[in-house]
Amino acid sequence: MTRSLQITTVVDAARARIATARLAAAYGVSALDRTRLTTALSSQLRQCLTKGGTWRLTLETTAAPAEEGLLQVVVTPWHGTGAAAAQPPWRTTVRCDRAADAPDGTAVANDPAVLAEALLGADEDTALVLERLSEQEELVAFHREELHQTNQGVLALHAELDAAGRAQRDAFAAERKARTEAESARRRLTFLADASAVLTASLNHDEIVRRLPDLLVPEYAGTVDVWLFDGDDDRHPPAPHPAAAVLAARTGRPQYAADHPGGLPGVVDRPPSALDPARPLLCIPLPTRRTPLGVLTLSPPGDRWDPDDAVMLIELTRRASIAIDNARRFEHNRDIAETLQRALLTDLPSTRGLSLAARYLPATRGLNIGGDWYDAFRQPDGSLITVIGDVTGHGLHAAVMMSQLRTALRAYAVDGGSPGRLLTQLHTFLHHLQPDLYATAVIARFRPGDPTLTWAAAGHPPPVLRTPDGQVHTLDAKPGAMLGIPLRQEIHDHTAPLTPGSTLALYTDGLVERRAQGIDPGIERLARALGSFDSAELDADLEGSADRILDPLLSDSERDDDVCLLLCHLAA
């Protein structure tokens, strides 16, 4: 939208100014920008009237009334005549907000009252600008006073700093000393934490002893000697030890052997060692709850130790002693567990027409022994009983209970009971023997000449049966509850057709269960792995087939639980 006004006299200029102000207000131009616009326009019009001639004022908006746009004001000579013909156009632009209805800016009556009212309106805008200016002046005055106060404070501060210069330098020196001591303490604590993590990461006491020199030399010790009392080899004569080390072993207190006092906290000074008089020795016992395990003998990395370093070395020795003692206890329990586990592993019976292959893999953490077990034996009528089970928990207690369950099962099977009857008897036995211990199990029975497999389960993952045509079926008929729970239950038998060339897989949850996925995907992976074999391959090498089934199922994660697998293959 474009509007034009002709300006020849002062009245024309006043009307043009009024029209511009009204149009700017109608298009949402702020009072401050409107005042700037009219002030600049008035100045330009005053110059035009001074030069004489006729001028044109053009008001142009570049947006619709409901949109944001620009208001452009242009002053040019009228038809390029007169003395102002060579005058270049004057123009200015302001941003407009949305305007609902813009009036006709040229309709300004040539009336003194209208002109006076427009003048008062211009004064209102000017008053608003002056009010803003007053606020800014007050703000400047406030900041000027604030700056003055700040300058006064700065002058006073400079005076104080100049008077306290020496005290400040002393404070800086004390701060540097404290910072150095704090950094040294932090370094010692960091080393102690890292060294402790290294020592406790291993459960092999020989490995811990080998790591000690690597940790201490050369920063905190020149040489390191570890004397373990029960580590002397009877095949070789015992090596001589400094007298200070013998005293440390007898008294349980650290000893410092040198030709000068060590000044180390909690350490007893002794004469230099006769074995090496020129070298100071720090002998620290390796304490336990009962008696010391041995003595750690160190020589300093330089002339002597810093007292704080000696305190840190004594603490590290205490932690190393705990790590060695724990490692020995673990090794002792592990040896017991491995011996018991070897004693509990069953030699599978050989049966004509039926091949058996079993695998037991302990968890990769802990004592490497748990409650998983398998067994296979004959009943008096010639039937072959195969069983796989899992006692809750780990360690020696679970292994002992597993052994008792296996023995009880063999005793009950002498009467010729079915798998469901045997599991019911085991449930009663476990509930009365260990009320707070539970177990799961699955039993399968093979009878010579009988084309039917009889099986029963109690809280255990379902067996997987591969038929000669390569189809794999999960025997997921309703199982009984866990063995040993405080509930009277009668566990029932289930049957499945059994043809030559079939393979039955019994397993524990450690083979198929993963924390992030559950147990069902693992059973599906086991079924796919078993279905990938053919009957001829299972006939020829059932042991190798068991290994090839385990490899893909156990390669995806570290084992947190024991794994047990029992394959029963009926020859084709």
Protein backbone atom coordinates (compact mmCIF):
# COMPACT_ATOMS: atom_id res chain seq x y z
CA MET A 1 0.00 0.00 0.00
CA THR A 2 1.42 3.41 -1.06
CA ARG A 3 0.32 6.94 -0.07
CA SER A 4 1.69 10.26 -1.39
CA LEU A 5 1.51 13.77 0.04
CA GLN A 6 2.45 17.08 -1.61
CA ILE A 7 4.42 19.47 0.60
CA THR A 8 4.84 23.16 -0.18
CA THR A 9 4.11 25.04 3.01
CA VAL A 10 4.70 24.57 6.71
CA VAL A 11 1.10 23.44 7.13
CA ASP A 12 1.67 20.76 4.50
CA ALA A 13 4.74 19.62 6.38
CA ALA A 14 2.78 19.46 9.66
CA ARG A 15 0.01 17.45 7.97
CA ALA A 16 2.64 15.07 6.48
CA ARG A 17 4.20 14.59 9.88
CA ILE A 18 0.77 13.86 11.42
CA ALA A 19 -0.07 11.38 8.65
CA THR A 20 3.22 9.56 9.08
CA ALA A 21 2.79 9.33 12.86
CA ARG A 22 -0.77 8.03 12.56
CA LEU A 23 0.19 5.44 9.97
CA ALA A 24 3.13 4.26 12.07
CA ALA A 25 0.90 3.96 15.14
CA ALA A 26 -1.73 2.07 13.15
CA TYR A 27 0.87 -0.44 11.98
CA GLY A 28 2.11 -1.13 15.49
CA VAL A 29 5.39 0.85 15.44
CA SER A 30 6.53 1.37 19.04
CA ALA A 31 6.39 4.84 20.58
CA LEU A 32 10.17 5.07 20.72
CA ASP A 33 10.65 4.12 17.06
CA ARG A 34 7.70 6.33 16.11
CA THR A 35 9.30 9.33 17.84
CA ARG A 36 12.60 8.64 16.10
CA LEU A 37 10.81 8.42 12.76
CA THR A 38 8.80 11.65 13.14
CA THR A 39 11.79 13.54 14.52
CA ALA A 40 13.96 12.55 11.57
CA LEU A 41 11.12 13.34 9.14
CA SER A 42 10.53 16.78 10.72
CA SER A 43 14.21 17.62 10.37
CA GLN A 44 14.19 16.58 6.73
CA LEU A 45 11.00 18.50 5.96
CA ARG A 46 12.44 21.62 7.62
CA GLN A 47 15.43 21.41 5.26
CA CYS A 48 13.10 20.94 2.27
CA LEU A 49 11.04 24.05 3.19
CA THR A 50 14.25 26.03 3.59
CA LYS A 51 15.33 25.07 0.07
CA GLY A 52 11.88 25.93 -1.29
CA GLY A 53 9.91 24.29 -4.03
CA THR A 54 7.41 21.50 -3.89
CA TRP A 55 8.20 18.09 -2.34
CA ARG A 56 6.54 14.71 -2.30
CA LEU A 57 6.23 12.48 0.79
CA THR A 58 5.66 8.80 -0.07
CA LEU A 59 4.51 6.32 2.60
CA GLU A 60 4.76 2.69 1.51
CA THR A 61 3.96 -0.48 3.49
CA THR A 62 5.29 -3.83 2.28
CA ALA A 63 2.94 -6.19 4.19
CA ALA A 64 -0.75 -6.95 4.46
CA PRO A 65 -2.55 -5.56 7.52
CA ALA A 66 -2.43 -8.95 9.32
CA GLU A 67 1.26 -9.55 8.68
CA GLU A 68 4.53 -8.16 9.93
CA GLY A 69 6.33 -5.93 7.44
CA LEU A 70 8.10 -2.60 6.80
CA LEU A 71 7.00 1.05 6.62
CA GLN A 72 9.13 3.02 4.16
CA VAL A 73 9.12 6.86 4.17
CA VAL A 74 10.59 8.68 1.13
CA VAL A 75 10.92 12.45 0.52
CA THR A 76 11.66 13.50 -3.10
CA PRO A 77 11.31 16.72 -5.17
CA TRP A 78 7.92 17.13 -6.88
CA HIS A 79 8.31 16.22 -10.56
CA GLY A 80 12.04 17.14 -10.41
CA THR A 81 11.48 20.91 -10.86
CA GLY A 82 12.85 23.92 -9.14
CA ALA A 83 16.03 24.38 -7.17
CA ALA A 84 15.59 21.06 -5.44
CA ALA A 85 15.64 19.02 -8.63
CA ALA A 86 19.18 17.86 -8.01
CA GLN A 87 18.43 16.91 -4.41
CA PRO A 88 18.76 13.10 -3.85
CA PRO A 89 15.75 11.34 -2.29
CA TRP A 90 15.65 10.98 1.49
CA ARG A 91 14.31 7.69 2.79
CA THR A 92 14.00 5.75 6.04
CA THR A 93 12.42 2.42 6.99
CA VAL A 94 10.93 1.09 10.23
CA ARG A 95 9.64 -2.41 11.10
CA CYS A 96 5.87 -2.71 11.60
CA ASP A 97 3.94 -5.12 13.78
CA ARG A 98 0.62 -6.53 12.66
CA ALA A 99 -2.15 -3.92 12.12
CA ALA A 100 -5.79 -4.90 12.07
CA ASP A 101 -7.02 -1.88 10.12
CA ALA A 102 -4.69 0.81 8.80
CA PRO A 103 -6.39 4.22 8.29
CA ASP A 104 -5.85 6.52 5.35
CA GLY A 105 -2.76 8.45 6.44
CA THR A 106 -3.40 11.25 3.91
CA ALA A 107 -6.80 12.22 5.34
CA VAL A 108 -5.60 14.96 7.69
CA ALA A 109 -7.91 17.99 7.77
CA ASN A 110 -6.41 21.43 7.43
CA ASP A 111 -7.78 22.40 10.80
CA PRO A 112 -5.85 24.14 13.63
CA ALA A 113 -7.56 21.93 16.20
CA VAL A 114 -6.40 18.78 14.42
CA LEU A 115 -2.90 20.14 14.11
CA ALA A 116 -2.85 21.07 17.79
CA GLU A 117 -4.10 17.63 18.80
CA ALA A 118 -1.40 16.02 16.66
CA LEU A 119 1.17 18.28 18.30
CA LEU A 120 -0.01 17.14 21.76
CA GLY A 121 0.18 13.50 20.60
CA ALA A 122 3.75 14.09 19.45
CA ASP A 123 4.46 15.61 22.87
CA GLU A 124 3.16 12.42 24.52
CA ASP A 125 5.61 10.32 22.48
CA THR A 126 8.35 12.79 23.31
CA ALA A 127 7.43 12.57 27.00
CA LEU A 128 7.71 8.77 26.83
CA VAL A 129 11.15 9.07 25.28
CA LEU A 130 12.16 11.60 27.93
CA GLU A 131 10.89 9.23 30.64
CA ARG A 132 13.04 6.45 29.20
CA LEU A 133 15.94 8.87 29.06
CA SER A 134 15.37 9.83 32.72
CA GLU A 135 15.43 6.16 33.71
CA GLN A 136 18.71 5.70 31.89
CA GLU A 137 20.14 8.82 33.53
CA GLU A 138 19.13 7.49 36.96
CA LEU A 139 20.75 4.16 36.12
CA VAL A 140 23.92 5.92 34.99
CA ALA A 141 23.92 7.96 38.20
CA PHE A 142 23.48 4.77 40.25
CA HIS A 143 26.36 3.05 38.46
CA ARG A 144 28.48 6.18 38.78
CA GLU A 145 27.94 6.15 42.56
CA GLU A 146 28.58 2.43 42.66
CA LEU A 147 31.79 2.88 40.69
CA HIS A 148 32.82 5.64 43.07
CA GLN A 149 32.24 3.37 46.06
CA THR A 150 34.14 0.59 44.33
CA ASN A 151 37.05 2.89 43.64
CA GLN A 152 37.12 3.87 47.29
CA GLY A 153 37.14 0.21 48.28
CA VAL A 154 39.89 -0.58 45.78
CA LEU A 155 42.02 2.22 47.20
CA ALA A 156 41.48 0.90 50.71
CA LEU A 157 42.26 -2.65 49.57
CA HIS A 158 45.49 -1.52 47.92
CA ALA A 159 46.48 0.17 51.15
CA GLU A 160 45.80 -3.00 53.13
CA LEU A 161 47.64 -5.18 50.62
CA ASP A 162 50.63 -2.90 50.69
CA ALA A 163 50.70 -2.96 54.50
CA ALA A 164 50.26 -6.78 54.65
CA GLY A 165 52.63 -7.70 51.82
CA ARG A 166 55.06 -9.66 53.97
CA ALA A 167 52.27 -11.54 55.74
CA GLN A 168 50.76 -12.44 52.39
CA ARG A 169 54.05 -13.80 51.08
CA ASP A 170 54.33 -15.91 54.21
CA ALA A 171 50.81 -17.16 53.67
CA PHE A 172 51.63 -18.08 50.08
CA ALA A 173 54.68 -19.97 51.21
CA ALA A 174 52.63 -21.86 53.79
CA GLU A 175 50.01 -22.60 51.17
CA ARG A 176 52.61 -23.96 48.75
CA LYS A 177 53.97 -26.18 51.49
CA ALA A 178 50.51 -27.42 52.41
CA ARG A 179 49.70 -28.01 48.75
CA THR A 180 52.88 -30.00 48.31
CA GLU A 181 52.11 -32.08 51.36
CA ALA A 182 48.52 -32.60 50.19
CA GLU A 183 49.74 -33.67 46.75
CA SER A 184 52.15 -36.11 48.34
CA ALA A 185 49.37 -37.49 50.53
CA ARG A 186 47.08 -37.80 47.50
CA ARG A 187 49.83 -39.58 45.58
CA ARG A 188 50.34 -42.05 48.45
CA LEU A 189 46.62 -42.69 48.82
CA THR A 190 46.23 -43.19 45.08
CA PHE A 191 49.15 -45.61 45.03
CA LEU A 192 47.75 -47.46 48.04
CA ALA A 193 44.33 -47.79 46.42
CA ASP A 194 45.74 -48.92 43.07
CA ALA A 195 48.17 -51.35 44.68
CA SER A 196 45.40 -52.79 46.84
CA ALA A 197 43.25 -53.33 43.76
CA VAL A 198 46.13 -55.14 42.03
CA LEU A 199 46.82 -57.37 45.05
CA THR A 200 43.18 -58.31 45.64
CA ALA A 201 42.50 -58.96 41.95
CA SER A 202 44.28 -62.33 42.15
CA LEU A 203 43.34 -65.37 44.22
CA ASN A 204 46.75 -67.00 43.73
CA HIS A 205 49.07 -66.22 46.62
CA ASP A 206 52.21 -66.86 44.53
CA GLU A 207 50.99 -64.29 42.01
CA ILE A 208 50.42 -61.74 44.79
CA VAL A 209 53.97 -62.29 46.10
CA ARG A 210 55.37 -61.82 42.58
CA ARG A 211 53.47 -58.55 42.13
CA LEU A 212 54.79 -56.87 45.28
CA PRO A 213 58.29 -56.00 43.91
CA ASP A 214 56.75 -54.65 40.69
CA LEU A 215 54.54 -52.32 42.73
CA LEU A 216 57.19 -50.99 45.11
CA VAL A 217 60.38 -50.80 43.01
CA PRO A 218 61.80 -48.24 42.30
CA GLU A 219 59.53 -45.51 43.73
CA TYR A 220 59.20 -46.74 47.30
CA ALA A 221 61.89 -49.41 47.62
CA GLY A 222 65.23 -50.37 46.15
CA THR A 223 64.81 -54.10 46.80
CA VAL A 224 61.93 -56.24 48.07
CA ASP A 225 62.16 -59.64 49.76
CA VAL A 226 59.08 -61.62 50.87
CA TRP A 227 59.68 -64.26 53.53
CA LEU A 228 56.72 -66.60 53.98
CA PHE A 229 57.10 -68.92 56.95
CA ASP A 230 55.50 -71.98 55.31
CA GLY A 231 56.90 -71.26 51.89
CA ASP A 232 60.41 -72.60 52.44
CA ASP A 233 61.28 -75.48 50.14
CA ASP A 234 62.54 -78.49 52.10
CA ARG A 235 64.64 -79.56 49.13
CA HIS A 236 66.85 -76.49 49.46
CA PRO A 237 68.60 -75.10 52.56
CA PRO A 238 66.75 -72.12 54.03
CA ALA A 239 68.11 -68.72 53.05
CA PRO A 240 69.54 -66.55 55.86
CA HIS A 241 67.32 -63.69 57.01
CA PRO A 242 68.35 -60.43 58.74
CA ALA A 243 68.06 -60.34 62.52
CA ALA A 244 65.58 -57.49 62.21
CA ALA A 245 63.30 -59.71 60.10
CA VAL A 246 63.45 -62.45 62.76
CA LEU A 247 62.57 -59.89 65.45
CA ALA A 248 59.69 -58.58 63.34
CA ALA A 249 58.38 -62.15 62.99
CA ARG A 250 58.62 -62.78 66.73
CA THR A 251 57.29 -59.48 68.03
CA GLY A 252 54.86 -58.59 65.24
CA ARG A 253 56.27 -55.02 65.12
CA PRO A 254 58.15 -53.37 62.21
CA GLN A 255 61.94 -53.10 62.65
CA TYR A 256 64.41 -50.64 61.10
CA ALA A 257 68.02 -51.85 60.87
CA ALA A 258 70.56 -49.12 60.03
CA ASP A 259 73.56 -47.22 61.42
CA HIS A 260 71.35 -44.17 62.10
CA PRO A 261 67.91 -43.69 63.69
CA GLY A 262 65.10 -43.92 61.17
CA GLY A 263 62.57 -41.71 62.98
CA LEU A 264 59.74 -43.75 61.46
CA PRO A 265 56.40 -43.83 63.33
CA GLY A 266 55.66 -47.19 64.96
CA VAL A 267 58.99 -48.69 63.87
CA VAL A 268 61.67 -49.95 66.28
CA ASP A 269 65.26 -48.89 65.49
CA ARG A 270 67.86 -51.66 65.43
CA PRO A 271 71.60 -51.91 64.65
CA PRO A 272 72.52 -52.51 61.03
CA SER A 273 72.14 -56.02 59.66
CA ALA A 274 75.22 -58.21 59.73
CA LEU A 275 74.26 -59.56 56.29
CA ASP A 276 74.42 -56.09 54.68
CA PRO A 277 75.65 -53.41 57.14
CA ALA A 278 75.82 -50.62 54.58
CA ARG A 279 72.18 -50.79 53.55
CA PRO A 280 69.23 -49.76 55.76
CA LEU A 281 66.47 -52.37 55.99
CA LEU A 282 62.81 -51.99 56.92
CA CYS A 283 61.32 -55.32 58.08
CA ILE A 284 57.50 -55.36 58.28
CA PRO A 285 55.58 -58.44 59.48
CA LEU A 286 52.70 -59.77 57.38
CA PRO A 287 49.94 -59.87 60.04
CA THR A 288 46.81 -62.04 60.18
CA ARG A 289 44.16 -62.62 62.81
CA ARG A 290 46.23 -65.44 64.32
CA THR A 291 49.96 -65.26 63.61
CA PRO A 292 52.09 -63.44 61.02
CA LEU A 293 52.36 -65.12 57.62
CA GLY A 294 55.90 -63.85 57.10
CA VAL A 295 58.01 -60.72 56.85
CA LEU A 296 58.42 -58.13 54.08
CA THR A 297 62.00 -56.75 53.99
CA LEU A 298 62.63 -53.53 52.04
CA SER A 299 65.64 -51.35 51.31
CA PRO A 300 65.07 -47.60 50.69
CA PRO A 301 65.06 -46.16 47.15
CA GLY A 302 67.58 -43.52 48.37
CA ASP A 303 69.31 -42.88 51.67
CA ARG A 304 66.23 -43.27 53.86
CA TRP A 305 62.43 -43.26 53.84
CA ASP A 306 60.11 -40.35 54.38
CA PRO A 307 58.08 -41.05 57.58
CA ASP A 308 54.80 -40.77 55.68
CA ASP A 309 56.03 -43.23 53.06
CA ALA A 310 56.93 -45.68 55.84
CA VAL A 311 53.40 -45.43 57.26
CA MET A 312 51.98 -46.10 53.81
CA LEU A 313 54.29 -49.13 53.34
CA ILE A 314 53.15 -50.61 56.66
CA GLU A 315 49.50 -50.23 55.60
CA LEU A 316 50.21 -51.75 52.18
CA THR A 317 51.93 -54.70 53.86
CA ARG A 318 48.87 -55.24 56.04
CA ARG A 319 46.63 -55.29 52.97
CA ALA A 320 49.01 -57.61 51.13
CA SER A 321 48.93 -59.97 54.10
CA ILE A 322 45.12 -60.05 53.99
CA ALA A 323 45.20 -60.69 50.25
CA ILE A 324 47.70 -63.54 50.64
CA ASP A 325 45.70 -65.08 53.49
CA ASN A 326 42.46 -64.86 51.52
CA ALA A 327 44.14 -66.37 48.46
CA ARG A 328 45.43 -69.29 50.52
CA ARG A 329 42.01 -69.88 52.01
CA PHE A 330 40.47 -69.79 48.56
CA GLU A 331 43.07 -72.19 47.18
CA HIS A 332 42.44 -74.55 50.10
CA ASN A 333 38.67 -74.52 49.60
CA ARG A 334 39.10 -74.81 45.85
CA ASP A 335 41.24 -77.92 46.26
CA ILE A 336 38.61 -79.45 48.52
CA ALA A 337 35.87 -78.52 46.07
CA GLU A 338 37.72 -79.94 43.08
CA THR A 339 38.44 -83.17 44.95
CA LEU A 340 34.81 -83.49 45.95
CA GLN A 341 33.63 -82.66 42.44
CA ARG A 342 35.86 -85.32 40.89
CA ALA A 343 34.54 -87.83 43.39
CA LEU A 344 30.93 -86.94 42.53
CA LEU A 345 31.22 -87.17 38.75
CA THR A 346 29.54 -90.34 37.54
CA ASP A 347 30.99 -92.87 35.12
CA LEU A 348 28.18 -93.45 32.65
CA PRO A 349 27.18 -97.08 32.12
CA SER A 350 27.50 -98.66 28.71
CA THR A 351 24.23 -100.00 27.31
CA ARG A 352 23.78 -101.79 24.05
CA GLY A 353 21.85 -99.66 21.59
CA LEU A 354 21.88 -96.59 23.86
CA SER A 355 24.78 -94.13 23.94
CA LEU A 356 25.30 -91.59 26.70
CA ALA A 357 27.46 -88.45 26.76
CA ALA A 358 27.65 -86.02 29.68
CA ARG A 359 29.30 -82.67 30.17
CA TYR A 360 29.73 -80.72 33.41
CA LEU A 361 31.25 -77.22 33.31
CA PRO A 362 31.59 -75.33 36.60
CA ALA A 363 30.89 -71.61 36.81
CA THR A 364 33.81 -69.38 35.90
CA ARG A 365 33.44 -67.55 39.22
CA GLY A 366 33.56 -68.74 42.81
CA LEU A 367 34.72 -72.13 44.05
CA ASN A 368 34.02 -73.88 40.72
CA ILE A 369 31.53 -76.21 42.37
CA GLY A 370 27.79 -76.09 42.61
CA GLY A 371 24.67 -78.17 42.93
CA ASP A 372 24.34 -79.32 39.29
CA TRP A 373 24.58 -83.11 38.89
CA TYR A 374 23.80 -85.93 36.51
CA ASP A 375 23.59 -89.69 36.92
CA ALA A 376 22.71 -92.84 34.96
CA PHE A 377 22.20 -96.33 36.36
CA ARG A 378 20.17 -99.51 35.82
CA GLN A 379 17.18 -100.71 37.77
CA PRO A 380 16.73 -104.36 38.69
CA ASP A 381 14.37 -104.92 35.71
CA GLY A 382 17.06 -103.70 33.27
CA SER A 383 15.62 -100.21 32.77
CA LEU A 384 18.13 -97.38 32.50
CA ILE A 385 17.45 -94.34 34.67
CA THR A 386 19.02 -91.06 33.55
CA VAL A 387 18.70 -88.00 35.77
CA ILE A 388 19.90 -84.43 35.81
CA GLY A 389 19.29 -81.98 38.64
CA ASP A 390 20.24 -78.73 40.30
CA VAL A 391 20.44 -77.96 44.01
CA THR A 392 19.99 -74.28 44.90
CA GLY A 393 23.14 -72.44 45.90
CA HIS A 394 26.85 -73.02 45.38
CA GLY A 395 29.77 -74.22 47.40
CA LEU A 396 30.47 -77.25 49.49
CA HIS A 397 27.04 -77.31 51.15
CA ALA A 398 25.23 -77.52 47.80
CA ALA A 399 27.65 -80.20 46.60
CA VAL A 400 27.14 -82.32 49.73
CA MET A 401 23.35 -82.09 49.38
CA MET A 402 23.64 -83.00 45.72
CA SER A 403 25.61 -86.11 46.70
CA GLN A 404 22.97 -87.10 49.25
CA LEU A 405 20.18 -86.65 46.71
CA ARG A 406 22.04 -88.79 44.18
CA THR A 407 22.58 -91.53 46.78
CA ALA A 408 18.95 -91.39 47.89
CA LEU A 409 17.74 -91.63 44.29
CA ARG A 410 19.80 -94.76 43.66
CA ALA A 411 18.41 -96.29 46.85
CA TYR A 412 14.80 -95.51 45.93
CA ALA A 413 15.29 -96.80 42.37
CA VAL A 414 16.09 -100.29 43.64
CA ASP A 415 12.36 -100.81 44.20
CA GLY A 416 11.73 -100.19 40.49
CA GLY A 417 9.75 -96.99 40.87
CA SER A 418 8.81 -94.85 37.90
CA PRO A 419 10.42 -91.38 37.33
CA GLY A 420 7.43 -89.60 38.89
CA ARG A 421 7.45 -91.90 41.92
CA LEU A 422 11.20 -91.39 42.39
CA LEU A 423 10.87 -87.60 42.26
CA THR A 424 8.02 -87.71 44.78
CA GLN A 425 10.22 -89.70 47.18
CA LEU A 426 13.11 -87.25 46.65
CA HIS A 427 10.78 -84.34 47.41
CA THR A 428 9.77 -85.87 50.75
CA PHE A 429 13.38 -86.78 51.54
CA LEU A 430 14.70 -83.27 50.86
CA HIS A 431 11.85 -81.54 52.70
CA HIS A 432 12.55 -83.49 55.91
CA LEU A 433 16.34 -83.45 55.57
CA GLN A 434 16.90 -79.78 54.65
CA PRO A 435 13.71 -77.68 54.96
CA ASP A 436 15.50 -74.55 53.76
CA LEU A 437 17.13 -76.14 50.70
CA TYR A 438 15.44 -76.80 47.35
CA ALA A 439 16.30 -78.63 44.15
CA THR A 440 15.03 -79.27 40.64
CA ALA A 441 15.41 -82.48 38.66
CA VAL A 442 14.22 -84.38 35.60
CA ILE A 443 14.33 -88.20 35.31
CA ALA A 444 13.98 -90.22 32.10
CA ARG A 445 13.65 -94.01 31.94
CA PHE A 446 14.61 -96.21 28.97
CA ARG A 447 13.30 -99.80 28.97
CA PRO A 448 14.85 -102.40 26.65
CA GLY A 449 12.53 -103.13 23.77
CA ASP A 450 9.99 -100.51 24.84
CA PRO A 451 9.39 -97.81 22.17
CA THR A 452 8.17 -95.40 24.84
CA LEU A 453 10.16 -92.90 26.86
CA THR A 454 8.89 -92.30 30.40
CA TRP A 455 9.94 -89.10 32.11
CA ALA A 456 9.01 -86.73 34.92
CA ALA A 457 10.23 -83.28 35.98
CA ALA A 458 10.14 -81.21 39.16
CA GLY A 459 10.69 -77.50 38.62
CA HIS A 460 13.35 -78.25 35.98
CA PRO A 461 13.75 -77.00 32.38
CA PRO A 462 11.95 -79.39 29.98
CA PRO A 463 13.84 -82.17 28.14
CA VAL A 464 14.43 -81.76 24.40
CA LEU A 465 13.84 -84.79 22.13
CA ARG A 466 15.17 -85.07 18.57
CA THR A 467 13.37 -87.61 16.40
CA PRO A 468 15.12 -89.49 13.55
CA ASP A 469 13.55 -87.21 10.93
CA GLY A 470 15.43 -84.21 12.41
CA GLN A 471 12.42 -82.67 14.18
CA VAL A 472 13.05 -81.40 17.70
CA HIS A 473 10.31 -81.39 20.34
CA THR A 474 10.29 -79.78 23.77
CA LEU A 475 8.75 -82.14 26.31
CA ASP A 476 6.94 -79.43 28.23
CA ALA A 477 4.11 -81.41 29.80
CA LYS A 478 3.11 -79.98 33.20
CA PRO A 479 5.99 -80.64 35.63
CA GLY A 480 5.88 -80.90 39.39
CA ALA A 481 6.99 -78.13 41.73
CA MET A 482 10.51 -77.80 43.06
CA LEU A 483 11.77 -80.53 45.34
CA GLY A 484 11.80 -79.66 49.03
CA ILE A 485 9.19 -76.90 49.06
CA PRO A 486 6.78 -77.00 52.04
CA LEU A 487 4.00 -78.55 49.97
CA ARG A 488 2.71 -82.10 49.69
CA GLN A 489 2.81 -83.12 46.04
CA GLU A 490 2.54 -86.18 43.84
CA ILE A 491 4.68 -85.88 40.71
CA HIS A 492 3.24 -87.66 37.66
CA ASP A 493 4.88 -89.54 34.81
CA HIS A 494 4.76 -88.48 31.16
CA THR A 495 5.49 -90.53 28.05
CA ALA A 496 6.74 -89.83 24.56
CA PRO A 497 7.24 -92.14 21.51
CA LEU A 498 10.82 -93.31 21.20
CA THR A 499 12.10 -94.63 17.88
CA PRO A 500 15.63 -95.73 16.91
CA GLY A 501 17.77 -92.75 16.01
CA SER A 502 16.14 -90.48 18.61
CA THR A 503 18.23 -88.31 20.90
CA LEU A 504 17.14 -86.95 24.29
CA ALA A 505 18.90 -83.92 25.81
CA LEU A 506 18.71 -83.30 29.56
CA TYR A 507 20.33 -80.09 30.85
CA THR A 508 20.41 -77.54 33.66
CA ASP A 509 19.39 -73.89 33.47
CA GLY A 510 23.00 -72.70 33.34
CA LEU A 511 23.12 -73.88 29.73
CA VAL A 512 20.11 -71.96 28.44
CA GLU A 513 19.32 -69.12 30.86
CA ARG A 514 20.70 -65.61 30.40
CA ARG A 515 19.85 -62.71 32.69
CA ALA A 516 18.96 -60.31 29.90
CA GLN A 517 16.93 -62.82 27.83
CA GLY A 518 15.36 -65.38 30.14
CA ILE A 519 15.27 -69.12 29.53
CA ASP A 520 12.97 -69.62 26.50
CA PRO A 521 15.37 -68.21 23.86
CA GLY A 522 18.10 -70.47 25.27
CA ILE A 523 15.89 -73.57 24.93
CA GLU A 524 15.18 -72.58 21.33
CA ARG A 525 18.92 -72.25 20.64
CA LEU A 526 19.52 -75.69 22.17
CA ALA A 527 16.76 -77.17 19.99
CA ARG A 528 18.27 -75.62 16.85
CA ALA A 529 21.73 -76.90 17.76
CA LEU A 530 20.43 -80.43 18.39
CA GLY A 531 18.41 -80.37 15.18
CA SER A 532 21.46 -79.43 13.12
CA PHE A 533 22.89 -82.97 13.54
CA ASP A 534 21.81 -86.05 11.63
CA SER A 535 21.35 -89.52 13.10
CA ALA A 536 24.51 -90.89 11.49
CA GLU A 537 26.63 -88.16 13.05
CA LEU A 538 25.11 -88.78 16.48
CA ASP A 539 25.62 -92.55 16.05
CA ALA A 540 29.28 -92.11 15.14
CA ASP A 541 30.42 -89.47 17.63
CA LEU A 542 28.04 -88.57 20.44
CA GLU A 543 30.88 -87.16 22.59
CA GLY A 544 31.99 -84.78 19.86
CA SER A 545 28.37 -83.82 19.22
CA ALA A 546 28.02 -82.83 22.89
CA ASP A 547 31.00 -80.50 22.55
CA ARG A 548 29.66 -78.99 19.34
CA ILE A 549 26.33 -78.31 21.04
CA LEU A 550 27.97 -76.54 23.99
CA ASP A 551 30.31 -74.29 22.00
CA PRO A 552 27.74 -71.94 20.40
CA LEU A 553 25.53 -71.88 23.49
CA LEU A 554 28.32 -70.83 25.87
CA SER A 555 30.32 -68.47 23.66
CA ASP A 556 28.10 -65.43 24.23
CA SER A 557 28.78 -64.70 27.91
CA GLU A 558 30.76 -65.52 31.00
CA ARG A 559 29.23 -68.36 32.97
CA ASP A 560 27.66 -67.27 36.25
CA ASP A 561 26.20 -70.72 36.88
CA ASP A 562 27.21 -74.35 36.44
CA VAL A 563 26.37 -76.06 33.17
CA CYS A 564 25.31 -79.70 32.93
CA LEU A 565 24.30 -81.61 29.76
CA LEU A 566 23.36 -85.28 29.32
CA LEU A 567 22.72 -86.69 25.83
CA CYS A 568 20.92 -90.04 25.44
CA HIS A 569 20.99 -91.40 21.86
CA LEU A 570 19.13 -94.50 20.74
CA ALA A 571 21.14 -96.08 17.96
CA ALA A 572 19.55 -96.17 14.52
